[in-house]
Amino acid sequence: MNPYYWFCYNLVRLVGRIFFRLRVVHRERMINHGPVILASNHQSYLDPPLVGSVCDRAIFFLAKKTLLKGPVFGWLLPKLNVIPVDQEGKDRIALKALIRILKAGEGTLVFPEGGRTTDGNLQPALPGVGLVIAKTLAPVVPVRIFGAYEAWPIGQDWFRFGRITVVIGTPIHFTEADLEPRGKDLYLRLSQRVMDAIAALSLD
């Protein structure tokens, strides 16, 4: 971790404990070495830092390009391994950057749904993460965050205190056989498999 990432990483863990009583379930399932895709549902702005904080290493994130326009975030976010994207993660250039990062043995966080949920419920998967899986065969750790929507839903100016729980699922190891049959629905099929694994995670 670079010094900026290390500082923010530990700050997020502290804030998570104090303001959100952050609880992590099955932390032992996390892959903390080699290429890995952390695939999470997307409830609020809190998701990237809180999910990222459950890893023991630095990972890479996608964020809307507009978030990097300000002088503060424009300077800080690149130092926190943030890759700018257009239209809620549909930017192919950013996805290609993720592929390069994974092939270099690093970890990334992606949201198969694309954007944040508007009602707290899980949304259909988009094909982006499937493309990354097909090009890298990187293992995927499904993650589900609970309570972040209640803490900071779309349309709310600031967060509310509450309990947030991050549940880590069993890693999915893809093989060449999972890419068959190859067709125009391949990426979406892979993304949906990941989304189904996220949906299966619960607080129980």
Protein backbone atom coordinates (compact mmCIF):
# COMPACT_ATOMS: atom_id res chain seq x y z
CA MET A 1 0.00 0.00 0.00
CA ASN A 2 1.20 3.49 -0.76
CA PRO A 3 1.02 5.96 2.17
CA TYR A 4 -2.21 7.58 0.94
CA TYR A 5 -3.95 4.25 0.53
CA TRP A 6 -2.67 3.03 3.91
CA PHE A 7 -3.95 6.12 5.69
CA CYS A 8 -7.41 6.04 4.06
CA TYR A 9 -7.64 2.26 4.48
CA ASN A 10 -7.14 2.50 8.23
CA LEU A 11 -9.37 5.58 8.50
CA VAL A 12 -12.21 3.74 6.75
CA ARG A 13 -11.84 0.75 9.08
CA LEU A 14 -12.02 3.09 12.07
CA VAL A 15 -15.02 5.00 10.71
CA GLY A 16 -16.72 1.72 9.86
CA ARG A 17 -16.40 0.46 13.40
CA ILE A 18 -17.40 3.74 15.09
CA PHE A 19 -20.28 4.96 12.92
CA PHE A 20 -21.60 1.78 11.31
CA ARG A 21 -20.61 -0.97 13.77
CA LEU A 22 -19.13 -2.67 10.72
CA ARG A 23 -19.23 -6.45 10.89
CA VAL A 24 -17.47 -8.77 8.46
CA VAL A 25 -18.78 -12.33 8.08
CA HIS A 26 -16.46 -15.06 6.74
CA ARG A 27 -13.39 -12.85 6.39
CA GLU A 28 -11.38 -16.08 6.07
CA ARG A 29 -12.83 -16.57 2.58
CA MET A 30 -11.11 -13.47 1.22
CA ILE A 31 -8.31 -14.01 -1.29
CA ASN A 32 -5.46 -11.73 -0.30
CA HIS A 33 -2.85 -12.69 -2.87
CA GLY A 34 -2.75 -13.02 -6.63
CA PRO A 35 -5.39 -11.82 -9.09
CA VAL A 36 -8.92 -11.61 -7.69
CA ILE A 37 -12.19 -9.92 -8.53
CA LEU A 38 -14.28 -8.82 -5.56
CA ALA A 39 -17.84 -8.67 -6.88
CA SER A 40 -20.34 -6.87 -4.66
CA ASN A 41 -23.87 -5.58 -4.76
CA HIS A 42 -24.05 -1.78 -4.89
CA GLN A 43 -26.20 0.05 -2.34
CA SER A 44 -24.49 3.39 -1.68
CA TYR A 45 -21.38 5.54 -1.87
CA LEU A 46 -20.19 3.68 1.23
CA ASP A 47 -19.76 0.38 -0.61
CA PRO A 48 -16.32 0.85 -2.26
CA PRO A 49 -14.43 2.00 0.85
CA LEU A 50 -16.15 -0.40 3.24
CA VAL A 51 -15.83 -3.46 1.01
CA GLY A 52 -12.26 -2.48 0.18
CA SER A 53 -11.45 -2.26 3.87
CA VAL A 54 -12.13 -5.97 4.43
CA CYS A 55 -9.08 -6.85 2.28
CA ASP A 56 -5.60 -7.06 3.76
CA ARG A 57 -4.04 -5.50 0.67
CA ALA A 58 -4.57 -2.62 -1.73
CA ILE A 59 -7.09 -3.21 -4.50
CA PHE A 60 -8.29 -1.21 -7.51
CA PHE A 61 -11.69 0.47 -7.92
CA LEU A 62 -13.85 1.86 -10.70
CA ALA A 63 -15.51 5.25 -10.16
CA LYS A 64 -17.51 7.65 -12.29
CA LYS A 65 -15.22 10.04 -14.08
CA THR A 66 -17.20 12.99 -12.71
CA LEU A 67 -15.99 12.17 -9.18
CA LEU A 68 -12.43 13.00 -10.25
CA LYS A 69 -13.23 16.47 -11.59
CA GLY A 70 -12.88 18.32 -8.29
CA PRO A 71 -9.45 19.51 -7.11
CA VAL A 72 -9.44 17.33 -3.97
CA PHE A 73 -10.82 14.06 -5.35
CA GLY A 74 -9.04 14.63 -8.66
CA TRP A 75 -5.75 14.62 -6.78
CA LEU A 76 -6.54 11.97 -4.15
CA LEU A 77 -8.57 9.24 -5.88
CA PRO A 78 -5.87 8.18 -8.37
CA LYS A 79 -3.57 7.65 -5.37
CA LEU A 80 -6.25 5.30 -3.97
CA ASN A 81 -6.16 3.07 -7.08
CA VAL A 82 -9.35 4.56 -8.55
CA ILE A 83 -9.89 4.10 -12.30
CA PRO A 84 -12.30 6.64 -13.86
CA VAL A 85 -15.15 5.31 -16.01
CA ASP A 86 -18.05 6.72 -18.00
CA GLN A 87 -21.72 5.81 -17.49
CA GLU A 88 -21.57 3.73 -14.32
CA GLY A 89 -18.82 1.33 -15.35
CA LYS A 90 -19.74 0.66 -19.00
CA ASP A 91 -16.49 2.20 -20.29
CA ARG A 92 -14.58 -0.50 -22.21
CA ILE A 93 -11.29 1.39 -21.71
CA ALA A 94 -11.68 1.06 -17.94
CA LEU A 95 -12.57 -2.62 -18.25
CA LYS A 96 -9.42 -3.18 -20.31
CA ALA A 97 -7.47 -1.44 -17.54
CA LEU A 98 -8.97 -3.89 -15.03
CA ILE A 99 -7.92 -6.79 -17.23
CA ARG A 100 -4.33 -5.50 -17.28
CA ILE A 101 -4.38 -5.06 -13.50
CA LEU A 102 -5.65 -8.60 -12.92
CA LYS A 103 -3.07 -10.07 -15.29
CA ALA A 104 -0.45 -8.28 -13.20
CA GLY A 105 -1.65 -10.22 -10.14
CA GLU A 106 -3.61 -7.45 -8.44
CA GLY A 107 -7.13 -7.34 -6.98
CA THR A 108 -10.13 -5.28 -8.07
CA LEU A 109 -13.61 -4.43 -6.80
CA VAL A 110 -16.46 -4.45 -9.30
CA PHE A 111 -20.23 -4.09 -9.09
CA PRO A 112 -22.00 -6.48 -11.50
CA GLU A 113 -25.17 -4.34 -11.27
CA GLY A 114 -23.32 -1.31 -12.61
CA GLY A 115 -24.91 1.55 -10.66
CA ARG A 116 -26.32 1.88 -7.19
CA THR A 117 -29.72 0.38 -6.41
CA THR A 118 -32.59 2.84 -6.28
CA ASP A 119 -34.77 0.79 -3.93
CA GLY A 120 -32.39 -1.34 -1.87
CA ASN A 121 -33.04 -4.49 -3.87
CA LEU A 122 -30.56 -6.38 -6.03
CA GLN A 123 -30.53 -5.35 -9.67
CA PRO A 124 -29.91 -7.44 -12.81
CA ALA A 125 -26.30 -8.12 -13.72
CA LEU A 126 -24.62 -6.25 -16.56
CA PRO A 127 -22.09 -7.97 -18.86
CA GLY A 128 -19.02 -5.94 -17.82
CA VAL A 129 -17.71 -8.23 -15.10
CA GLY A 130 -18.34 -11.21 -17.38
CA LEU A 131 -16.05 -9.70 -19.98
CA VAL A 132 -13.30 -9.30 -17.37
CA ILE A 133 -13.78 -12.90 -16.19
CA ALA A 134 -13.65 -14.26 -19.73
CA LYS A 135 -10.43 -12.41 -20.50
CA THR A 136 -8.60 -13.26 -17.25
CA LEU A 137 -10.24 -16.31 -15.61
CA ALA A 138 -9.45 -14.54 -12.33
CA PRO A 139 -11.16 -16.03 -9.27
CA VAL A 140 -14.19 -14.11 -8.07
CA VAL A 141 -15.09 -13.51 -4.43
CA PRO A 142 -18.81 -12.70 -4.17
CA VAL A 143 -19.55 -10.08 -1.52
CA ARG A 144 -22.86 -8.78 -0.23
CA ILE A 145 -23.20 -5.62 1.80
CA PHE A 146 -26.21 -5.11 4.07
CA GLY A 147 -27.30 -1.85 5.67
CA ALA A 148 -25.49 0.59 3.39
CA TYR A 149 -28.70 1.49 1.54
CA GLU A 150 -30.39 2.40 4.80
CA ALA A 151 -27.33 4.44 5.80
CA TRP A 152 -26.96 6.38 2.54
CA PRO A 153 -29.54 5.77 -0.23
CA ILE A 154 -29.64 7.61 -3.53
CA GLY A 155 -31.09 11.08 -3.06
CA GLN A 156 -29.95 11.50 0.52
CA ASP A 157 -27.38 14.25 1.09
CA TRP A 158 -25.49 12.57 3.92
CA PHE A 159 -25.27 9.23 5.67
CA ARG A 160 -27.12 8.07 8.77
CA PHE A 161 -25.60 5.97 11.51
CA GLY A 162 -26.55 2.30 11.48
CA ARG A 163 -25.31 -1.26 11.33
CA ILE A 164 -23.53 -2.36 8.15
CA THR A 165 -22.52 -5.95 7.54
CA VAL A 166 -20.28 -7.30 4.79
CA VAL A 167 -20.73 -11.00 4.01
CA ILE A 168 -17.97 -12.70 2.02
CA GLY A 169 -18.90 -15.68 -0.11
CA THR A 170 -17.00 -18.74 -1.25
CA PRO A 171 -14.62 -17.88 -4.12
CA ILE A 172 -15.66 -18.92 -7.62
CA HIS A 173 -12.85 -20.37 -9.71
CA PHE A 174 -13.62 -20.16 -13.42
CA THR A 175 -12.08 -22.43 -16.05
CA GLU A 176 -12.04 -22.54 -19.84
CA ALA A 177 -15.00 -24.91 -19.66
CA ASP A 178 -17.09 -22.10 -18.16
CA LEU A 179 -16.59 -20.10 -21.35
CA GLU A 180 -18.47 -22.67 -23.42
CA PRO A 181 -20.61 -22.32 -25.37
CA ARG A 182 -19.14 -19.09 -26.64
CA GLY A 183 -21.75 -16.68 -27.94
CA LYS A 184 -23.06 -13.18 -27.62
CA ASP A 185 -24.59 -13.99 -24.24
CA LEU A 186 -21.31 -15.28 -22.73
CA TYR A 187 -20.41 -12.16 -20.75
CA LEU A 188 -23.90 -11.74 -19.38
CA ARG A 189 -24.05 -15.43 -18.47
CA LEU A 190 -20.83 -15.16 -16.46
CA SER A 191 -22.00 -11.95 -14.79
CA GLN A 192 -25.30 -13.55 -13.84
CA ARG A 193 -23.52 -16.51 -12.26
CA VAL A 194 -21.65 -14.06 -10.05
CA MET A 195 -24.82 -12.11 -9.28
CA ASP A 196 -26.59 -15.33 -8.29
CA ALA A 197 -23.75 -16.08 -5.85
CA ILE A 198 -24.10 -12.60 -4.35
CA ALA A 199 -27.87 -13.03 -4.02
CA ALA A 200 -27.37 -16.33 -2.17
CA LEU A 201 -25.45 -14.61 0.63
CA SER A 202 -27.42 -13.75 3.75
CA LEU A 203 -26.98 -12.51 7.29
CA ASP A 204 -27.83 -15.95 8.71
